[in-house]
């Protein structure tokens, strides 16, 4: 239970609260999405629709491991279906750039159970 709390705490530190209604205030900003299957995807939001399908540019997936640092898999232009999104948050660029992902160890997130 402590590990889950610490992962959520680390993730929440790098999120900033959106200032406007919905996703409109986040367009052209770097966001982090946590999907229902536990994937962490970072990218610049370029668009979205009423079903919360999101288009990301310059995106990459962060793969966490307890044995080695965080791997970043380049995805490029990427579309995520709205029904597969659990969390959307604006990434704090200043804190994110100071983070050394090569030394970060963590268990991957478990899938969301509805």
Protein backbone atom coordinates (compact mmCIF):
# COMPACT_ATOMS: atom_id res chain seq x y z
CA UNK A 1 0.00 0.00 0.00
CA UNK A 2 2.88 2.41 0.75
CA UNK A 3 4.33 1.85 -2.73
CA UNK A 4 1.05 2.77 -4.41
CA UNK A 5 0.77 5.91 -2.28
CA UNK A 6 4.35 6.95 -3.10
CA UNK A 7 3.77 6.44 -6.87
CA UNK A 8 0.62 8.55 -6.74
CA UNK A 9 2.46 11.20 -4.72
CA UNK A 10 5.33 11.36 -7.25
CA UNK A 11 2.87 11.61 -10.15
CA UNK A 12 0.81 14.31 -8.44
CA UNK A 13 3.90 16.44 -7.77
CA UNK A 14 4.48 16.80 -11.52
CA UNK A 15 0.87 17.68 -12.35
CA UNK A 16 -0.36 21.26 -12.31
CA UNK A 17 -4.05 21.98 -12.07
CA UNK A 18 -5.66 23.21 -15.28
CA UNK A 19 -6.89 26.79 -14.99
CA UNK A 20 -9.71 26.69 -17.55
CA UNK A 21 -12.75 24.55 -18.20
CA UNK A 22 -11.90 21.09 -19.50
CA UNK A 23 -9.02 20.31 -21.81
CA UNK A 24 -9.22 23.56 -23.80
CA UNK A 25 -6.75 25.28 -21.48
CA UNK A 26 -4.19 22.49 -22.08
CA UNK A 27 -3.98 22.65 -25.90
CA UNK A 28 -0.34 23.05 -27.07
CA UNK A 29 0.96 22.23 -23.60
CA UNK A 30 2.80 19.14 -22.39
CA UNK A 31 0.55 16.71 -20.55
CA UNK A 32 0.86 13.28 -18.97
CA UNK A 33 -1.87 10.71 -19.51
CA UNK A 34 -2.33 7.57 -17.45
CA UNK A 35 -4.33 5.00 -19.36
CA UNK A 36 -6.68 2.35 -17.98
CA UNK A 37 -4.03 -0.32 -18.58
CA UNK A 38 -1.46 1.63 -16.51
CA UNK A 39 0.59 3.18 -19.31
CA UNK A 40 2.16 6.65 -18.79
CA UNK A 41 2.22 8.73 -21.96
CA UNK A 42 3.71 12.24 -22.17
CA UNK A 43 3.17 14.56 -25.12
CA UNK A 44 1.92 17.90 -26.39
CA UNK A 45 -1.87 17.95 -26.68
CA UNK A 46 -2.92 19.09 -30.16
CA UNK A 47 -6.61 18.31 -30.07
CA UNK A 48 -9.50 16.42 -28.51
CA UNK A 49 -13.18 15.75 -29.11
CA UNK A 50 -16.40 15.33 -27.13
CA UNK A 51 -15.50 11.67 -26.38
CA UNK A 52 -12.16 12.84 -24.88
CA UNK A 53 -10.18 11.18 -27.67
CA UNK A 54 -6.85 13.00 -27.46
CA UNK A 55 -4.26 13.75 -30.15
CA UNK A 56 -0.70 14.08 -28.84
CA UNK A 57 2.40 15.23 -30.72
CA UNK A 58 6.03 14.64 -29.73
CA UNK A 59 4.79 11.88 -27.44
CA UNK A 60 6.61 9.13 -25.63
CA UNK A 61 5.66 6.36 -23.22
CA UNK A 62 7.45 6.08 -19.90
CA UNK A 63 8.03 2.46 -18.87
CA UNK A 64 8.82 2.04 -15.18
CA UNK A 65 10.88 -0.78 -13.72
CA UNK A 66 12.21 -1.73 -10.28
CA UNK A 67 15.47 -3.00 -11.79
CA UNK A 68 16.53 -0.17 -14.12
CA UNK A 69 15.72 3.46 -14.84
CA UNK A 70 12.66 4.65 -16.70
CA UNK A 71 12.67 3.77 -20.40
CA UNK A 72 11.14 6.28 -22.79
CA UNK A 73 9.64 4.80 -25.94
CA UNK A 74 9.15 7.35 -28.74
CA UNK A 75 5.58 7.35 -30.09
CA UNK A 76 5.53 10.61 -32.10
CA UNK A 77 2.06 11.67 -33.23
CA UNK A 78 -0.33 9.54 -31.18
CA UNK A 79 -4.09 9.24 -30.67
CA UNK A 80 -5.53 7.89 -27.41
CA UNK A 81 -9.17 6.82 -27.24
CA UNK A 82 -11.12 8.65 -24.56
CA UNK A 83 -12.52 5.46 -23.03
CA UNK A 84 -8.95 4.30 -22.35
CA UNK A 85 -7.92 7.42 -20.38
CA UNK A 86 -7.87 7.40 -16.56
CA UNK A 87 -5.97 10.61 -15.75
CA UNK A 88 -4.95 13.71 -17.73
CA UNK A 89 -2.68 16.28 -16.14
CA UNK A 90 -0.54 19.20 -17.21
CA UNK A 91 3.14 18.43 -16.72
CA UNK A 92 5.18 20.96 -14.75
CA UNK A 93 8.11 21.43 -17.17
CA UNK A 94 10.43 22.93 -14.54
CA UNK A 95 10.06 20.01 -12.12
CA UNK A 96 10.04 17.46 -14.93
CA UNK A 97 13.31 18.72 -16.44
CA UNK A 98 15.02 18.47 -13.04
CA UNK A 99 14.02 14.81 -12.65
CA UNK A 100 16.68 12.19 -13.48
CA UNK A 101 14.57 9.38 -14.97
CA UNK A 102 17.61 7.11 -15.41
CA UNK A 103 17.88 6.77 -11.62
CA UNK A 104 14.16 6.50 -10.89
CA UNK A 105 12.93 3.02 -9.90
CA UNK A 106 9.25 2.19 -9.51
CA UNK A 107 6.75 -0.59 -10.06
CA UNK A 108 4.62 -0.15 -13.18
CA UNK A 109 1.05 0.98 -12.43
CA UNK A 110 -1.57 -1.74 -12.33
CA UNK A 111 -4.57 -1.56 -14.71
CA UNK A 112 -7.66 0.31 -13.56
CA UNK A 113 -10.48 -2.03 -12.54
CA UNK A 114 -13.98 -0.68 -13.14
